[in-house]
Structure formats: structure tokens, C-alpha cells
PDB file of N, CA and C in Angstrom:
ATOM      1  N   MET A   1      52.797-114.094 235.390  1.00  0.00           N
ATOM      2  CA  MET A   1      53.996-114.595 236.314  1.00  0.00           C
ATOM      3  C   MET A   1      54.201-115.922 236.415  1.00  0.00           C
ATOM      4  N   GLN A   2      54.962-116.808 235.887  1.00  0.00           N
ATOM      5  CA  GLN A   2      55.202-118.040 236.025  1.00  0.00           C
ATOM      6  C   GLN A   2      55.927-118.889 237.257  1.00  0.00           C
ATOM      7  N   THR A   3      55.373-119.935 237.594  1.00  0.00           N
ATOM      8  CA  THR A   3      56.180-120.337 239.030  1.00  0.00           C
ATOM      9  C   THR A   3      57.394-121.412 238.434  1.00  0.00           C
ATOM     10  N   VAL A   4      58.625-121.964 238.504  1.00  0.00           N
ATOM     11  CA  VAL A   4      59.386-122.678 238.011  1.00  0.00           C
ATOM     12  C   VAL A   4      59.834-123.284 239.652  1.00  0.00           C
ATOM     13  N   TRP A   5      60.191-124.562 239.421  1.00  0.00           N
ATOM     14  CA  TRP A   5      60.609-125.086 240.513  1.00  0.00           C
ATOM     15  C   TRP A   5      62.361-125.807 240.004  1.00  0.00           C
ATOM     16  N   ALA A   6      63.254-126.274 240.770  1.00  0.00           N
ATOM     17  CA  ALA A   6      64.387-126.619 240.451  1.00  0.00           C
ATOM     18  C   ALA A   6      64.951-127.059 241.579  1.00  0.00           C
ATOM     19  N   CYS A   7      65.355-128.355 241.544  1.00  0.00           N
ATOM     20  CA  CYS A   7      66.602-129.349 242.100  1.00  0.00           C
ATOM     21  C   CYS A   7      68.072-129.165 241.758  1.00  0.00           C
ATOM     22  N   MET A   8      68.565-129.548 242.538  1.00  0.00           N
ATOM     23  CA  MET A   8      70.323-129.950 242.270  1.00  0.00           C
ATOM     24  C   MET A   8      70.156-131.607 242.497  1.00  0.00           C
ATOM     25  N   PRO A   9      70.682-131.860 241.617  1.00  0.00           N
ATOM     26  CA  PRO A   9      71.468-133.454 241.313  1.00  0.00           C
ATOM     27  C   PRO A   9      71.936-133.740 242.610  1.00  0.00           C
ATOM     28  N   HIS A  10      72.001-134.656 242.877  1.00  0.00           N
ATOM     29  CA  HIS A  10      73.064-135.810 243.509  1.00  0.00           C
ATOM     30  C   HIS A  10      74.318-135.773 242.794  1.00  0.00           C
ATOM     31  N   SER A  11      74.157-135.845 241.408  1.00  0.00           N
ATOM     32  CA  SER A  11      75.240-136.404 240.334  1.00  0.00           C
ATOM     33  C   SER A  11      74.686-135.970 239.469  1.00  0.00           C
ATOM     34  N   PRO A  12      75.561-135.802 238.570  1.00  0.00           N
ATOM     35  CA  PRO A  12      75.516-135.285 237.364  1.00  0.00           C
ATOM     36  C   PRO A  12      75.022-136.341 236.189  1.00  0.00           C
ATOM     37  N   ASN A  13      75.195-137.457 236.588  1.00  0.00           N
ATOM     38  CA  ASN A  13      74.655-138.762 235.866  1.00  0.00           C
ATOM     39  C   ASN A  13      72.825-139.143 236.439  1.00  0.00           C
ATOM     40  N   ASP A  14      72.516-138.482 236.994  1.00  0.00           N
ATOM     41  CA  ASP A  14      71.344-138.432 237.185  1.00  0.00           C
ATOM     42  C   ASP A  14      70.288-137.526 236.467  1.00  0.00           C
ATOM     43  N   VAL A  15      70.734-136.625 234.900  1.00  0.00           N
ATOM     44  CA  VAL A  15      70.192-135.715 234.681  1.00  0.00           C
ATOM     45  C   VAL A  15      69.726-136.635 233.253  1.00  0.00           C
ATOM     46  N   PHE A  16      68.456-136.108 233.095  1.00  0.00           N
ATOM     47  CA  PHE A  16      68.544-136.764 231.406  1.00  0.00           C
ATOM     48  C   PHE A  16      67.421-135.936 230.765  1.00  0.00           C
ATOM     49  N   PHE A  17      67.190-136.280 229.596  1.00  0.00           N
ATOM     50  CA  PHE A  17      66.881-135.479 228.634  1.00  0.00           C
ATOM     51  C   PHE A  17      65.785-136.511 227.845  1.00  0.00           C
ATOM     52  N   SER A  18      64.225-136.360 227.779  1.00  0.00           N
ATOM     53  CA  SER A  18      63.377-137.048 227.200  1.00  0.00           C
ATOM     54  C   SER A  18      62.467-136.760 226.862  1.00  0.00           C
ATOM     55  N   ARG A  19      61.431-137.109 225.586  1.00  0.00           N
ATOM     56  CA  ARG A  19      60.144-136.903 225.625  1.00  0.00           C
ATOM     57  C   ARG A  19      59.301-137.851 226.203  1.00  0.00           C
ATOM     58  N   LEU A  20      58.114-137.518 226.869  1.00  0.00           N
ATOM     59  CA  LEU A  20      56.979-138.036 227.262  1.00  0.00           C
ATOM     60  C   LEU A  20      56.300-138.852 226.366  1.00  0.00           C
ATOM     61  N   GLN A  21      55.855-140.497 226.535  1.00  0.00           N
ATOM     62  CA  GLN A  21      54.947-140.764 225.859  1.00  0.00           C
ATOM     63  C   GLN A  21      53.611-141.143 226.400  1.00  0.00           C
ATOM     64  N   SER A  22      54.099-141.741 227.564  1.00  0.00           N
ATOM     65  CA  SER A  22      52.417-141.797 228.256  1.00  0.00           C
ATOM     66  C   SER A  22      52.934-142.150 229.898  1.00  0.00           C
ATOM     67  N   SER A  23      51.707-141.470 230.832  1.00  0.00           N
ATOM     68  CA  SER A  23      51.832-141.981 232.076  1.00  0.00           C
ATOM     69  C   SER A  23      50.610-142.379 232.688  1.00  0.00           C
ATOM     70  N   GLN A  24      51.010-143.764 233.164  1.00  0.00           N
ATOM     71  CA  GLN A  24      49.680-144.540 233.694  1.00  0.00           C
ATOM     72  C   GLN A  24      49.860-144.739 235.135  1.00  0.00           C
ATOM     73  N   PRO A  25      48.301-144.607 235.607  1.00  0.00           N
ATOM     74  CA  PRO A  25      48.752-144.804 237.428  1.00  0.00           C
ATOM     75  C   PRO A  25      48.941-146.106 237.655  1.00  0.00           C
ATOM     76  N   SER A  26      49.200-146.760 238.566  1.00  0.00           N
ATOM     77  CA  SER A  26      50.000-147.529 239.328  1.00  0.00           C
ATOM     78  C   SER A  26      50.302-147.556 240.666  1.00  0.00           C
ATOM     79  N   LEU A  27      50.362-149.241 241.312  1.00  0.00           N
ATOM     80  CA  LEU A  27      50.763-149.065 242.662  1.00  0.00           C
ATOM     81  C   LEU A  27      52.544-149.686 242.599  1.00  0.00           C
ATOM     82  N   MET A  28      53.112-148.814 243.707  1.00  0.00           N
ATOM     83  CA  MET A  28      54.533-149.093 243.247  1.00  0.00           C
ATOM     84  C   MET A  28      54.557-150.101 244.447  1.00  0.00           C
ATOM     85  N   ASP A  29      55.004-149.450 245.508  1.00  0.00           N
ATOM     86  CA  ASP A  29      55.183-150.681 247.031  1.00  0.00           C
ATOM     87  C   ASP A  29      54.377-150.484 247.727  1.00  0.00           C
ATOM     88  N   SER A  30      53.796-151.914 247.792  1.00  0.00           N
ATOM     89  CA  SER A  30      52.863-152.137 248.623  1.00  0.00           C
ATOM     90  C   SER A  30      51.199-150.989 248.386  1.00  0.00           C
ATOM     91  N   GLN A  31      50.987-150.246 248.718  1.00  0.00           N
ATOM     92  CA  GLN A  31      50.016-149.716 248.419  1.00  0.00           C
ATOM     93  C   GLN A  31      49.999-148.365 248.289  1.00  0.00           C
ATOM     94  N   GLN A  32      51.541-147.694 247.760  1.00  0.00           N
ATOM     95  CA  GLN A  32      51.854-146.459 247.812  1.00  0.00           C
ATOM     96  C   GLN A  32      51.619-146.424 245.981  1.00  0.00           C
ATOM     97  N   LYS A  33      50.718-145.306 246.120  1.00  0.00           N
ATOM     98  CA  LYS A  33      50.177-144.849 244.806  1.00  0.00           C
ATOM     99  C   LYS A  33      51.290-144.333 243.486  1.00  0.00           C
ATOM    100  N   GLY A  34      51.355-144.513 242.426  1.00  0.00           N
ATOM    101  CA  GLY A  34      52.461-144.210 241.697  1.00  0.00           C
ATOM    102  C   GLY A  34      52.106-143.770 240.179  1.00  0.00           C
ATOM    103  N   PHE A  35      52.986-143.865 239.367  1.00  0.00           N
ATOM    104  CA  PHE A  35      52.875-143.817 237.863  1.00  0.00           C
ATOM    105  C   PHE A  35      54.091-144.534 237.183  1.00  0.00           C
ATOM    106  N   ASN A  36      53.480-145.291 236.048  1.00  0.00           N
ATOM    107  CA  ASN A  36      54.293-145.753 235.219  1.00  0.00           C
ATOM    108  C   ASN A  36      54.335-144.822 234.192  1.00  0.00           C
ATOM    109  N   LEU A  37      55.592-144.535 233.777  1.00  0.00           N
ATOM    110  CA  LEU A  37      56.057-143.739 232.423  1.00  0.00           C
ATOM    111  C   LEU A  37      56.734-144.335 231.573  1.00  0.00           C
ATOM    112  N   GLU A  38      56.426-143.732 230.314  1.00  0.00           N
ATOM    113  CA  GLU A  38      57.306-143.921 229.193  1.00  0.00           C
ATOM    114  C   GLU A  38      57.631-143.040 228.490  1.00  0.00           C
ATOM    115  N   PHE A  39      59.213-142.795 228.084  1.00  0.00           N
ATOM    116  CA  PHE A  39      59.970-141.956 227.629  1.00  0.00           C
ATOM    117  C   PHE A  39      60.218-142.186 226.121  1.00  0.00           C
ATOM    118  N   SER A  40      60.540-141.019 225.055  1.00  0.00           N
ATOM    119  CA  SER A  40      61.213-141.829 224.112  1.00  0.00           C
ATOM    120  C   SER A  40      62.119-140.719 224.200  1.00  0.00           C
ATOM    121  N   ASN A  41      63.627-141.631 223.086  1.00  0.00           N
ATOM    122  CA  ASN A  41      64.716-141.302 222.890  1.00  0.00           C
ATOM    123  C   ASN A  41      65.659-140.604 224.322  1.00  0.00           C
ATOM    124  N   HIS A  42      65.554-141.364 225.523  1.00  0.00           N
ATOM    125  CA  HIS A  42      66.279-141.056 226.801  1.00  0.00           C
ATOM    126  C   HIS A  42      67.517-140.436 226.632  1.00  0.00           C
ATOM    127  N   ARG A  43      67.853-139.916 227.260  1.00  0.00           N
ATOM    128  CA  ARG A  43      69.955-139.459 227.309  1.00  0.00           C
ATOM    129  C   ARG A  43      70.144-139.381 228.305  1.00  0.00           C
ATOM    130  N   PHE A  44      71.000-139.513 228.687  1.00  0.00           N
ATOM    131  CA  PHE A  44      71.467-138.656 230.058  1.00  0.00           C
ATOM    132  C   PHE A  44      72.665-138.251 229.639  1.00  0.00           C
ATOM    133  N   VAL A  45      72.886-136.699 229.517  1.00  0.00           N
ATOM    134  CA  VAL A  45      73.574-136.090 228.685  1.00  0.00           C
ATOM    135  C   VAL A  45      74.956-135.586 229.477  1.00  0.00           C
ATOM    136  N   PHE A  46      74.978-135.952 231.057  1.00  0.00           N
ATOM    137  CA  PHE A  46      76.265-135.980 231.557  1.00  0.00           C
ATOM    138  C   PHE A  46      77.313-136.839 231.904  1.00  0.00           C
ATOM    139  N   ARG A  47      76.713-138.007 231.636  1.00  0.00           N
ATOM    140  CA  ARG A  47      77.541-139.166 231.877  1.00  0.00           C
ATOM    141  C   ARG A  47      78.988-139.232 230.969  1.00  0.00           C
ATOM    142  N   THR A  48      79.706-139.926 232.085  1.00  0.00           N
ATOM    143  CA  THR A  48      81.164-140.223 230.892  1.00  0.00           C
ATOM    144  C   THR A  48      80.821-141.586 230.275  1.00  0.00           C
ATOM    145  N   LEU A  49      81.902-141.454 229.673  1.00  0.00           N
ATOM    146  CA  LEU A  49      81.612-143.147 228.888  1.00  0.00           C
ATOM    147  C   LEU A  49      81.804-144.335 229.812  1.00  0.00           C
ATOM    148  N   LYS A  50      82.553-143.584 230.989  1.00  0.00           N
ATOM    149  CA  LYS A  50      82.973-144.930 232.320  1.00  0.00           C
ATOM    150  C   LYS A  50      81.606-144.997 232.766  1.00  0.00           C
ATOM    151  N   THR A  51      80.532-144.162 233.156  1.00  0.00           N
ATOM    152  CA  THR A  51      79.588-144.127 234.005  1.00  0.00           C
ATOM    153  C   THR A  51      78.620-144.713 232.932  1.00  0.00           C
ATOM    154  N   TRP A  52      78.601-145.000 231.506  1.00  0.00           N
ATOM    155  CA  TRP A  52      77.695-145.772 230.281  1.00  0.00           C
ATOM    156  C   TRP A  52      78.144-147.159 231.161  1.00  0.00           C
ATOM    157  N   PHE A  53      78.993-147.375 231.393  1.00  0.00           N
ATOM    158  CA  PHE A  53      79.066-149.123 231.769  1.00  0.00           C
ATOM    159  C   PHE A  53      78.725-149.360 233.115  1.00  0.00           C
ATOM    160  N   MET A  54      78.613-148.507 233.865  1.00  0.00           N
ATOM    161  CA  MET A  54      78.172-148.473 235.116  1.00  0.00           C
ATOM    162  C   MET A  54      77.068-148.493 235.462  1.00  0.00           C
ATOM    163  N   TYR A  55      76.359-147.639 234.718  1.00  0.00           N
ATOM    164  CA  TYR A  55      75.202-147.772 235.151  1.00  0.00           C
ATOM    165  C   TYR A  55      74.112-148.762 234.629  1.00  0.00           C
ATOM    166  N   SER A  56      72.555-149.032 234.695  1.00  0.00           N
ATOM    167  CA  SER A  56      71.642-149.759 233.994  1.00  0.00           C
ATOM    168  C   SER A  56      71.375-149.053 233.037  1.00  0.00           C
ATOM    169  N   THR A  57      70.851-149.476 231.845  1.00  0.00           N
ATOM    170  CA  THR A  57      70.105-148.985 230.784  1.00  0.00           C
ATOM    171  C   THR A  57      68.254-148.954 231.333  1.00  0.00           C
ATOM    172  N   PRO A  58      67.893-148.162 231.590  1.00  0.00           N
ATOM    173  CA  PRO A  58      66.770-147.779 232.023  1.00  0.00           C
ATOM    174  C   PRO A  58      65.725-148.627 231.106  1.00  0.00           C
ATOM    175  N   LYS A  59      64.742-149.767 232.070  1.00  0.00           N
ATOM    176  CA  LYS A  59      63.966-150.483 231.357  1.00  0.00           C
ATOM    177  C   LYS A  59      62.747-149.912 231.651  1.00  0.00           C
ATOM    178  N   GLN A  60      62.030-149.290 232.895  1.00  0.00           N
ATOM    179  CA  GLN A  60      61.103-149.069 233.342  1.00  0.00           C
ATOM    180  C   GLN A  60      60.799-147.682 233.861  1.00  0.00           C
ATOM    181  N   TRP A  61      60.443-146.603 233.723  1.00  0.00           N
ATOM    182  CA  TRP A  61      60.497-145.741 234.308  1.00  0.00           C
ATOM    183  C   TRP A  61      59.215-145.782 235.257  1.00  0.00           C
ATOM    184  N   GLN A  62      59.230-144.819 237.011  1.00  0.00           N
ATOM    185  CA  GLN A  62      58.353-144.481 237.377  1.00  0.00           C
ATOM    186  C   GLN A  62      58.499-143.357 238.253  1.00  0.00           C
ATOM    187  N   SER A  63      57.285-142.934 238.817  1.00  0.00           N
ATOM    188  CA  SER A  63      57.161-141.804 239.716  1.00  0.00           C
ATOM    189  C   SER A  63      56.368-141.789 240.615  1.00  0.00           C
ATOM    190  N   ASP A  64      56.537-141.188 242.139  1.00  0.00           N
ATOM    191  CA  ASP A  64      55.267-141.551 242.898  1.00  0.00           C
ATOM    192  C   ASP A  64      54.524-139.865 243.041  1.00  0.00           C
ATOM    193  N   PHE A  65      54.786-139.149 241.449  1.00  0.00           N
ATOM    194  CA  PHE A  65      53.743-137.730 241.470  1.00  0.00           C
ATOM    195  C   PHE A  65      53.414-137.980 240.204  1.00  0.00           C
ATOM    196  N   GLN A  66      52.292-137.074 239.882  1.00  0.00           N
ATOM    197  CA  GLN A  66      51.974-136.972 238.379  1.00  0.00           C
ATOM    198  C   GLN A  66      52.018-135.941 237.757  1.00  0.00           C
ATOM    199  N   LEU A  67      52.261-136.161 236.638  1.00  0.00           N
ATOM    200  CA  LEU A  67      53.064-135.184 235.806  1.00  0.00           C
ATOM    201  C   LEU A  67      52.127-134.412 235.193  1.00  0.00           C
ATOM    202  N   LYS A  68      51.694-133.235 235.951  1.00  0.00           N
ATOM    203  CA  LYS A  68      50.611-132.479 235.357  1.00  0.00           C
ATOM    204  C   LYS A  68      50.858-131.151 234.692  1.00  0.00           C
ATOM    205  N   GLY A  69      50.119-131.003 233.658  1.00  0.00           N
ATOM    206  CA  GLY A  69      50.692-129.974 232.921  1.00  0.00           C
ATOM    207  C   GLY A  69      51.171-130.651 231.817  1.00  0.00           C
ATOM    208  N   ILE A  70      51.845-131.618 231.979  1.00  0.00           N
ATOM    209  CA  ILE A  70      52.706-131.976 230.803  1.00  0.00           C
ATOM    210  C   ILE A  70      52.288-133.085 230.094  1.00  0.00           C
ATOM    211  N   GLU A  71      52.011-132.803 228.821  1.00  0.00           N
ATOM    212  CA  GLU A  71      51.707-133.609 227.547  1.00  0.00           C
ATOM    213  C   GLU A  71      52.328-134.658 226.641  1.00  0.00           C
ATOM    214  N   PRO A  72      51.805-135.697 226.442  1.00  0.00           N
ATOM    215  CA  PRO A  72      52.905-136.658 225.032  1.00  0.00           C
ATOM    216  C   PRO A  72      53.476-135.782 223.932  1.00  0.00           C
ATOM    217  N   ASN A  73      54.568-136.296 223.866  1.00  0.00           N
ATOM    218  CA  ASN A  73      55.765-135.697 223.385  1.00  0.00           C
ATOM    219  C   ASN A  73      56.284-134.510 223.996  1.00  0.00           C
ATOM    220  N   ASP A  74      55.832-133.806 224.740  1.00  0.00           N
ATOM    221  CA  ASP A  74      56.793-132.948 225.856  1.00  0.00           C
ATOM    222  C   ASP A  74      57.975-132.998 226.025  1.00  0.00           C
ATOM    223  N   LEU A  75      59.162-132.197 225.949  1.00  0.00           N
ATOM    224  CA  LEU A  75      59.955-132.531 226.459  1.00  0.00           C
ATOM    225  C   LEU A  75      60.601-132.368 228.061  1.00  0.00           C
ATOM    226  N   ILE A  76      61.222-133.502 228.685  1.00  0.00           N
ATOM    227  CA  ILE A  76      61.016-133.570 229.848  1.00  0.00           C
ATOM    228  C   ILE A  76      62.877-133.351 229.819  1.00  0.00           C
ATOM    229  N   ILE A  77      62.996-132.483 231.201  1.00  0.00           N
ATOM    230  CA  ILE A  77      64.908-132.818 231.438  1.00  0.00           C
ATOM    231  C   ILE A  77      64.506-132.798 233.248  1.00  0.00           C
ATOM    232  N   GLY A  78      64.984-133.697 233.387  1.00  0.00           N
ATOM    233  CA  GLY A  78      64.570-134.250 234.705  1.00  0.00           C
ATOM    234  C   GLY A  78      65.233-135.103 235.401  1.00  0.00           C
ATOM    235  N   LEU A  79      65.461-135.364 236.394  1.00  0.00           N
ATOM    236  CA  LEU A  79      66.429-136.180 237.455  1.00  0.00           C
ATOM    237  C   LEU A  79      65.908-137.605 237.424  1.00  0.00           C
ATOM    238  N   ALA A  80      66.623-138.748 237.355  1.00  0.00           N
ATOM    239  CA  ALA A  80      66.062-140.182 237.787  1.00  0.00           C
ATOM    240  C   ALA A  80      67.017-140.906 238.191  1.00  0.00           C
ATOM    241  N   TYR A  81      67.299-141.523 239.381  1.00  0.00           N
ATOM    242  CA  TYR A  81      68.101-142.315 239.621  1.00  0.00           C
ATOM    243  C   TYR A  81      67.365-144.287 240.192  1.00  0.00           C
ATOM    244  N   ASN A  82      68.535-144.649 240.200  1.00  0.00           N
ATOM    245  CA  ASN A  82      67.804-146.653 240.116  1.00  0.00           C
ATOM    246  C   ASN A  82      68.657-146.837 241.885  1.00  0.00           C
ATOM    247  N   THR A  83      67.250-146.945 242.237  1.00  0.00           N
ATOM    248  CA  THR A  83      67.380-147.563 243.922  1.00  0.00           C
ATOM    249  C   THR A  83      67.892-148.705 244.011  1.00  0.00           C
ATOM    250  N   ASP A  84      67.466-149.577 243.165  1.00  0.00           N
ATOM    251  CA  ASP A  84      67.877-151.151 243.010  1.00  0.00           C
ATOM    252  C   ASP A  84      68.628-151.723 241.732  1.00  0.00           C
ATOM    253  N   GLU A  85      68.385-152.912 241.970  1.00  0.00           N
ATOM    254  CA  GLU A  85      69.032-153.526 240.934  1.00  0.00           C
ATOM    255  C   GLU A  85      68.522-154.296 239.630  1.00  0.00           C
ATOM    256  N   ASP A  86      66.982-153.361 240.102  1.00  0.00           N
ATOM    257  CA  ASP A  86      66.359-154.186 238.747  1.00  0.00           C
ATOM    258  C   ASP A  86      66.072-153.438 237.446  1.00  0.00           C
ATOM    259  N   GLN A  87      66.839-152.684 237.401  1.00  0.00           N
ATOM    260  CA  GLN A  87      66.843-151.655 236.379  1.00  0.00           C
ATOM    261  C   GLN A  87      65.441-150.649 236.350  1.00  0.00           C
ATOM    262  N   ALA A  88      64.839-150.337 237.453  1.00  0.00           N
ATOM    263  CA  ALA A  88      63.487-149.436 237.074  1.00  0.00           C
ATOM    264  C   ALA A  88      64.220-148.339 237.552  1.00  0.00           C
ATOM    265  N   TYR A  89      63.992-146.870 236.679  1.00  0.00           N
ATOM    266  CA  TYR A  89      64.365-145.576 237.005  1.00  0.00           C
ATOM    267  C   TYR A  89      63.530-144.606 237.642  1.00  0.00           C
ATOM    268  N   TYR A  90      63.465-144.078 238.480  1.00  0.00           N
ATOM    269  CA  TYR A  90      62.160-143.440 239.556  1.00  0.00           C
ATOM    270  C   TYR A  90      62.833-141.684 239.172  1.00  0.00           C
ATOM    271  N   LEU A  91      61.546-141.203 238.842  1.00  0.00           N
ATOM    272  CA  LEU A  91      61.581-139.705 238.588  1.00  0.00           C
ATOM    273  C   LEU A  91      61.774-138.847 239.574  1.00  0.00           C
ATOM    274  N   GLN A  92      62.929-138.010 239.821  1.00  0.00           N
ATOM    275  CA  GLN A  92      62.674-137.083 241.108  1.00  0.00           C
ATOM    276  C   GLN A  92      62.180-135.773 240.844  1.00  0.00           C
TER     277      GLN A  92
END
């Protein structure tokens, strides 16, 4: 039997599809451990034309958890949000 976890996005603008290219350990804020992620061909599929102009294009992806069991080139359906204006997106 397989266990699947899901959560509801705060906004449809947060939902993206992409392929994982790499995940590297890093320090996020002060001493908090995190991961820098690289994705290819990311698409925020539910954004309207108006919201494409309202939100920044991701230049950097980060996560505070390890993507266990996900290999490079695996398809990711995830939630990501931009908490500040430096164009870093955080995977939920």
C-alpha cells in the first residue's frame, strides 16, 4: 500500500509542474538547513495572464526539507511561494 500526502494551495498561483534537475544542501536563514533546487521547464499552470505580470519569474528555488525518493528528471507537482521580493521561490 502506498501513502500519498497532499495539501491545499493558498492560491492556484502557487501550483507548478516541473522536472527536478538537482538538489544541493545549503544554509537558508542563519543556521537553518535547507536545499537549493534546480528545476527545468517549470510552469505555474493555473496562473492567468494578469498574474503572470504580477508575480516574479523564479530565479532561485529553495526548500527546508529534502526531496527523498525523488530522482533527477522526475516530474514534480508542487506548491511554491515567493516570501520576499528577491525572486527566491520556496517549495512547500
